[in-house]
Amino acid sequence: MNADKLKYISLCILVIQTTTLVLTMRYSRSEKTEGPRYLSSTAVVVAELLKALVCFGLVFYQSSNTRQFKMVLKTEIVDKPVETLKLAVPSILYTVQNNLLFVALSNLDAATYQVTYQLKILTTALFSVTMLGRHLNATKWISLVVLMFGVALVQVCCGTHQLPDVDGSNIKMNVILKC
């Protein structure tokens, strides 16, 4: 498989995964149920444990045997405590971000959330230029400006059109119509 084809397949899978995640999270947080809802912090912890399990599985797959697997874990995690602790700061921030994503999805419709969430691209680009001294070409700056206007347009449009709420169907219809 050539690199271009793999790039487009990866992009399609990423788009499907991200969209499905947002719609599933939004639906699960807005659905009226008998009894209490699940805790968003529990969902975040379970997701992170699942990711860790997959990572360990991939390292084990790449290792030729159990002994080499244990050796890799020891040399990369246990024997480098300072490097492991350096990863704690972004890990904690990432956990806070994931918890805030649940709060955002509980209070915003899926389309507004998804487009607004894309502002992370703009902030990353701005920090990359200001803090790291990187330079962006004209095409990238134009793309960032179009992204910014798209976010502003969705924010303006979503605030003016509301469907009537009948037994919680407002949320479901907004999710369906805006996607």
C-alpha atoms as a PDB file:
ATOM      1  CA  MET A   1       0.000   0.000   0.000  1.00  0.00           C
ATOM      2  CA  ASN A   2       1.499   3.348  -0.995  1.00  0.00           C
ATOM      3  CA  ALA A   3       1.889   6.267   1.404  1.00  0.00           C
ATOM      4  CA  ASP A   4      -0.770   8.504  -0.189  1.00  0.00           C
ATOM      5  CA  LYS A   5      -3.432   5.830  -0.014  1.00  0.00           C
ATOM      6  CA  LEU A   6      -2.552   5.050   3.594  1.00  0.00           C
ATOM      7  CA  LYS A   7      -2.700   8.779   4.428  1.00  0.00           C
ATOM      8  CA  TYR A   8      -6.245   9.118   3.073  1.00  0.00           C
ATOM      9  CA  ILE A   9      -7.427   5.914   4.717  1.00  0.00           C
ATOM     10  CA  SER A  10      -6.040   7.142   8.043  1.00  0.00           C
ATOM     11  CA  LEU A  11      -7.756  10.506   7.574  1.00  0.00           C
ATOM     12  CA  CYS A  12     -11.114   8.848   6.845  1.00  0.00           C
ATOM     13  CA  ILE A  13     -10.813   6.564   9.865  1.00  0.00           C
ATOM     14  CA  LEU A  14      -9.894   9.526  12.080  1.00  0.00           C
ATOM     15  CA  VAL A  15     -12.889  11.562  10.846  1.00  0.00           C
ATOM     16  CA  ILE A  16     -15.269   8.639  11.425  1.00  0.00           C
ATOM     17  CA  GLN A  17     -13.815   7.926  14.870  1.00  0.00           C
ATOM     18  CA  THR A  18     -13.951  11.553  16.008  1.00  0.00           C
ATOM     19  CA  THR A  19     -17.481  12.113  14.720  1.00  0.00           C
ATOM     20  CA  THR A  20     -18.743   8.881  16.231  1.00  0.00           C
ATOM     21  CA  LEU A  21     -17.114   9.687  19.558  1.00  0.00           C
ATOM     22  CA  VAL A  22     -18.709  13.143  19.725  1.00  0.00           C
ATOM     23  CA  LEU A  23     -22.168  11.916  18.740  1.00  0.00           C
ATOM     24  CA  THR A  24     -22.015   8.987  21.159  1.00  0.00           C
ATOM     25  CA  MET A  25     -20.799  11.164  24.023  1.00  0.00           C
ATOM     26  CA  ARG A  26     -23.435  13.792  23.298  1.00  0.00           C
ATOM     27  CA  TYR A  27     -26.233  11.253  23.070  1.00  0.00           C
ATOM     28  CA  SER A  28     -25.163   9.474  26.252  1.00  0.00           C
ATOM     29  CA  ARG A  29     -24.974  12.756  28.180  1.00  0.00           C
ATOM     30  CA  SER A  30     -28.303  14.139  26.919  1.00  0.00           C
ATOM     31  CA  GLU A  31     -30.479  11.017  27.023  1.00  0.00           C
ATOM     32  CA  LYS A  32     -33.013  11.162  29.834  1.00  0.00           C
ATOM     33  CA  THR A  33     -32.799   7.955  31.836  1.00  0.00           C
ATOM     34  CA  GLU A  34     -34.303   6.494  34.952  1.00  0.00           C
ATOM     35  CA  GLY A  35     -31.746   6.979  37.704  1.00  0.00           C
ATOM     36  CA  PRO A  36     -28.365   8.648  37.723  1.00  0.00           C
ATOM     37  CA  ARG A  37     -26.099   9.073  34.700  1.00  0.00           C
ATOM     38  CA  TYR A  38     -22.639   7.619  34.582  1.00  0.00           C
ATOM     39  CA  LEU A  39     -19.785   9.706  35.932  1.00  0.00           C
ATOM     40  CA  SER A  40     -17.754  11.356  33.200  1.00  0.00           C
ATOM     41  CA  SER A  41     -14.590  10.898  35.261  1.00  0.00           C
ATOM     42  CA  THR A  42     -15.205   7.135  35.260  1.00  0.00           C
ATOM     43  CA  ALA A  43     -15.556   7.147  31.489  1.00  0.00           C
ATOM     44  CA  VAL A  44     -12.275   9.061  31.152  1.00  0.00           C
ATOM     45  CA  VAL A  45     -10.414   6.657  33.462  1.00  0.00           C
ATOM     46  CA  VAL A  46     -11.793   3.593  31.659  1.00  0.00           C
ATOM     47  CA  ALA A  47     -10.835   5.081  28.270  1.00  0.00           C
ATOM     48  CA  GLU A  48      -7.295   5.800  29.489  1.00  0.00           C
ATOM     49  CA  LEU A  49      -6.953   2.296  30.930  1.00  0.00           C
ATOM     50  CA  LEU A  50      -8.114   0.850  27.619  1.00  0.00           C
ATOM     51  CA  LYS A  51      -5.513   2.949  25.770  1.00  0.00           C
ATOM     52  CA  ALA A  52      -2.799   1.769  28.167  1.00  0.00           C
ATOM     53  CA  LEU A  53      -3.869  -1.838  27.637  1.00  0.00           C
ATOM     54  CA  VAL A  54      -3.685  -1.402  23.858  1.00  0.00           C
ATOM     55  CA  CYS A  55      -0.226   0.216  24.151  1.00  0.00           C
ATOM     56  CA  PHE A  56       1.051  -2.607  26.335  1.00  0.00           C
ATOM     57  CA  GLY A  57      -0.430  -5.065  23.847  1.00  0.00           C
ATOM     58  CA  LEU A  58       1.408  -3.404  20.959  1.00  0.00           C
ATOM     59  CA  VAL A  59       4.702  -3.376  22.879  1.00  0.00           C
ATOM     60  CA  PHE A  60       4.184  -7.039  23.720  1.00  0.00           C
ATOM     61  CA  TYR A  61       3.417  -7.793  20.060  1.00  0.00           C
ATOM     62  CA  GLN A  62       6.643  -6.071  18.977  1.00  0.00           C
ATOM     63  CA  SER A  63       8.655  -7.925  21.615  1.00  0.00           C
ATOM     64  CA  SER A  64       9.810 -11.385  20.701  1.00  0.00           C
ATOM     65  CA  ASN A  65       8.926 -12.866  24.102  1.00  0.00           C
ATOM     66  CA  THR A  66       7.708 -12.060  27.612  1.00  0.00           C
ATOM     67  CA  ARG A  67      11.223 -11.528  28.906  1.00  0.00           C
ATOM     68  CA  GLN A  68      11.970  -8.847  26.294  1.00  0.00           C
ATOM     69  CA  PHE A  69       8.580  -7.221  27.016  1.00  0.00           C
ATOM     70  CA  LYS A  70       9.452  -6.929  30.719  1.00  0.00           C
ATOM     71  CA  MET A  71      12.896  -5.590  29.818  1.00  0.00           C
ATOM     72  CA  VAL A  72      11.438  -2.883  27.568  1.00  0.00           C
ATOM     73  CA  LEU A  73       8.998  -1.773  30.284  1.00  0.00           C
ATOM     74  CA  LYS A  74      11.757  -1.708  32.877  1.00  0.00           C
ATOM     75  CA  THR A  75      14.231   0.263  30.758  1.00  0.00           C
ATOM     76  CA  GLU A  76      11.690   2.745  29.391  1.00  0.00           C
ATOM     77  CA  ILE A  77       9.511   3.341  32.480  1.00  0.00           C
ATOM     78  CA  VAL A  78      11.166   2.175  35.695  1.00  0.00           C
ATOM     79  CA  ASP A  79      14.782   3.051  34.886  1.00  0.00           C
ATOM     80  CA  LYS A  80      13.866   6.558  33.668  1.00  0.00           C
ATOM     81  CA  PRO A  81      11.807   8.037  36.528  1.00  0.00           C
ATOM     82  CA  VAL A  82      12.535  11.662  35.603  1.00  0.00           C
ATOM     83  CA  GLU A  83      11.379  11.120  32.023  1.00  0.00           C
ATOM     84  CA  THR A  84       8.294   9.288  33.299  1.00  0.00           C
ATOM     85  CA  LEU A  85       7.477  12.163  35.666  1.00  0.00           C
ATOM     86  CA  LYS A  86       7.878  14.677  32.843  1.00  0.00           C
ATOM     87  CA  LEU A  87       4.986  12.917  31.151  1.00  0.00           C
ATOM     88  CA  ALA A  88       2.815  13.359  34.252  1.00  0.00           C
ATOM     89  CA  VAL A  89       2.126  17.060  33.587  1.00  0.00           C
ATOM     90  CA  PRO A  90       0.642  16.637  30.098  1.00  0.00           C
ATOM     91  CA  SER A  91      -1.132  13.489  31.292  1.00  0.00           C
ATOM     92  CA  ILE A  92      -2.873  15.367  34.085  1.00  0.00           C
ATOM     93  CA  LEU A  93      -3.790  18.215  31.740  1.00  0.00           C
ATOM     94  CA  TYR A  94      -5.111  15.709  29.207  1.00  0.00           C
ATOM     95  CA  THR A  95      -7.287  14.084  31.892  1.00  0.00           C
ATOM     96  CA  VAL A  96      -8.684  17.484  32.896  1.00  0.00           C
ATOM     97  CA  GLN A  97      -9.344  18.274  29.234  1.00  0.00           C
ATOM     98  CA  ASN A  98     -11.220  15.015  28.717  1.00  0.00           C
ATOM     99  CA  ASN A  99     -13.389  15.691  31.761  1.00  0.00           C
ATOM    100  CA  LEU A 100     -14.125  19.185  30.436  1.00  0.00           C
ATOM    101  CA  LEU A 101     -15.109  17.658  27.080  1.00  0.00           C
ATOM    102  CA  PHE A 102     -17.911  15.800  28.835  1.00  0.00           C
ATOM    103  CA  VAL A 103     -19.048  19.036  30.487  1.00  0.00           C
ATOM    104  CA  ALA A 104     -19.004  20.815  27.122  1.00  0.00           C
ATOM    105  CA  LEU A 105     -20.960  18.058  25.406  1.00  0.00           C
ATOM    106  CA  SER A 106     -23.515  18.094  28.208  1.00  0.00           C
ATOM    107  CA  ASN A 107     -24.156  21.795  27.566  1.00  0.00           C
ATOM    108  CA  LEU A 108     -23.616  22.274  23.803  1.00  0.00           C
ATOM    109  CA  ASP A 109     -25.110  20.657  20.757  1.00  0.00           C
ATOM    110  CA  ALA A 110     -22.790  18.314  18.868  1.00  0.00           C
ATOM    111  CA  ALA A 111     -22.196  20.573  15.844  1.00  0.00           C
ATOM    112  CA  THR A 112     -21.279  23.618  17.942  1.00  0.00           C
ATOM    113  CA  TYR A 113     -19.028  21.498  20.119  1.00  0.00           C
ATOM    114  CA  GLN A 114     -17.249  19.867  17.181  1.00  0.00           C
ATOM    115  CA  VAL A 115     -16.545  23.090  15.332  1.00  0.00           C
ATOM    116  CA  THR A 116     -15.544  25.010  18.452  1.00  0.00           C
ATOM    117  CA  TYR A 117     -13.274  22.149  19.496  1.00  0.00           C
ATOM    118  CA  GLN A 118     -11.378  22.654  16.252  1.00  0.00           C
ATOM    119  CA  LEU A 119     -10.126  25.956  17.666  1.00  0.00           C
ATOM    120  CA  LYS A 120      -7.391  23.852  19.265  1.00  0.00           C
ATOM    121  CA  ILE A 121      -5.782  23.815  15.812  1.00  0.00           C
ATOM    122  CA  LEU A 122      -5.728  27.620  15.761  1.00  0.00           C
ATOM    123  CA  THR A 123      -4.325  27.933  19.279  1.00  0.00           C
ATOM    124  CA  THR A 124      -1.698  25.278  18.576  1.00  0.00           C
ATOM    125  CA  ALA A 125      -0.621  27.149  15.449  1.00  0.00           C
ATOM    126  CA  LEU A 126      -0.456  30.485  17.285  1.00  0.00           C
ATOM    127  CA  PHE A 127       1.580  29.003  20.151  1.00  0.00           C
ATOM    128  CA  SER A 128       3.809  27.243  17.646  1.00  0.00           C
ATOM    129  CA  VAL A 129       4.575  30.560  15.957  1.00  0.00           C
ATOM    130  CA  THR A 130       4.899  32.699  19.088  1.00  0.00           C
ATOM    131  CA  MET A 131       6.614  30.296  21.489  1.00  0.00           C
ATOM    132  CA  LEU A 132       8.565  27.981  19.198  1.00  0.00           C
ATOM    133  CA  GLY A 133       9.431  30.520  16.513  1.00  0.00           C
ATOM    134  CA  ARG A 134       8.037  28.421  13.682  1.00  0.00           C
ATOM    135  CA  HIS A 135       6.920  29.962  10.411  1.00  0.00           C
ATOM    136  CA  LEU A 136       3.702  29.090   8.604  1.00  0.00           C
ATOM    137  CA  ASN A 137       3.285  29.520   4.872  1.00  0.00           C
ATOM    138  CA  ALA A 138       0.430  31.526   3.328  1.00  0.00           C
ATOM    139  CA  THR A 139      -1.700  28.449   2.648  1.00  0.00           C
ATOM    140  CA  LYS A 140      -1.638  27.465   6.326  1.00  0.00           C
ATOM    141  CA  TRP A 141      -2.499  30.997   7.482  1.00  0.00           C
ATOM    142  CA  ILE A 142      -5.414  31.139   5.023  1.00  0.00           C
ATOM    143  CA  SER A 143      -6.610  27.760   6.287  1.00  0.00           C
ATOM    144  CA  LEU A 144      -6.492  29.019   9.873  1.00  0.00           C
ATOM    145  CA  VAL A 145      -8.466  32.156   8.968  1.00  0.00           C
ATOM    146  CA  VAL A 146     -11.109  30.050   7.169  1.00  0.00           C
ATOM    147  CA  LEU A 147     -11.295  27.802  10.247  1.00  0.00           C
ATOM    148  CA  MET A 148     -11.776  30.844  12.484  1.00  0.00           C
ATOM    149  CA  PHE A 149     -14.579  32.210  10.282  1.00  0.00           C
ATOM    150  CA  GLY A 150     -16.208  28.772  10.176  1.00  0.00           C
ATOM    151  CA  VAL A 151     -16.235  28.609  13.962  1.00  0.00           C
ATOM    152  CA  ALA A 152     -17.678  32.134  14.178  1.00  0.00           C
ATOM    153  CA  LEU A 153     -20.340  31.314  11.573  1.00  0.00           C
ATOM    154  CA  VAL A 154     -21.475  28.176  13.405  1.00  0.00           C
ATOM    155  CA  GLN A 155     -21.610  30.087  16.690  1.00  0.00           C
ATOM    156  CA  VAL A 156     -23.811  32.787  15.140  1.00  0.00           C
ATOM    157  CA  CYS A 157     -26.079  30.360  13.288  1.00  0.00           C
ATOM    158  CA  CYS A 158     -26.604  27.954  16.177  1.00  0.00           C
ATOM    159  CA  GLY A 159     -27.747  30.665  18.539  1.00  0.00           C
ATOM    160  CA  THR A 160     -30.610  31.811  16.294  1.00  0.00           C
ATOM    161  CA  HIS A 161     -32.313  28.559  15.201  1.00  0.00           C
ATOM    162  CA  GLN A 162     -33.903  26.404  17.885  1.00  0.00           C
ATOM    163  CA  LEU A 163     -36.304  23.548  17.405  1.00  0.00           C
ATOM    164  CA  PRO A 164     -39.152  23.157  19.871  1.00  0.00           C
ATOM    165  CA  ASP A 165     -38.355  20.824  22.754  1.00  0.00           C
ATOM    166  CA  VAL A 166     -40.770  17.920  22.927  1.00  0.00           C
ATOM    167  CA  ASP A 167     -39.668  15.245  25.412  1.00  0.00           C
ATOM    168  CA  GLY A 168     -35.971  15.915  24.792  1.00  0.00           C
ATOM    169  CA  SER A 169     -36.315  15.523  21.021  1.00  0.00           C
ATOM    170  CA  ASN A 170     -34.797  18.994  20.520  1.00  0.00           C
ATOM    171  CA  ILE A 171     -31.339  17.669  21.335  1.00  0.00           C
ATOM    172  CA  LYS A 172     -31.711  14.578  19.142  1.00  0.00           C
ATOM    173  CA  MET A 173     -33.050  16.548  16.169  1.00  0.00           C
ATOM    174  CA  ASN A 174     -30.318  19.202  16.460  1.00  0.00           C
ATOM    175  CA  VAL A 175     -27.646  16.498  16.458  1.00  0.00           C
ATOM    176  CA  ILE A 176     -29.180  14.799  13.415  1.00  0.00           C
ATOM    177  CA  LEU A 177     -29.892  17.982  11.429  1.00  0.00           C
ATOM    178  CA  LYS A 178     -26.557  19.696  12.067  1.00  0.00           C
ATOM    179  CA  CYS A 179     -24.490  16.698  11.086  1.00  0.00           C
END
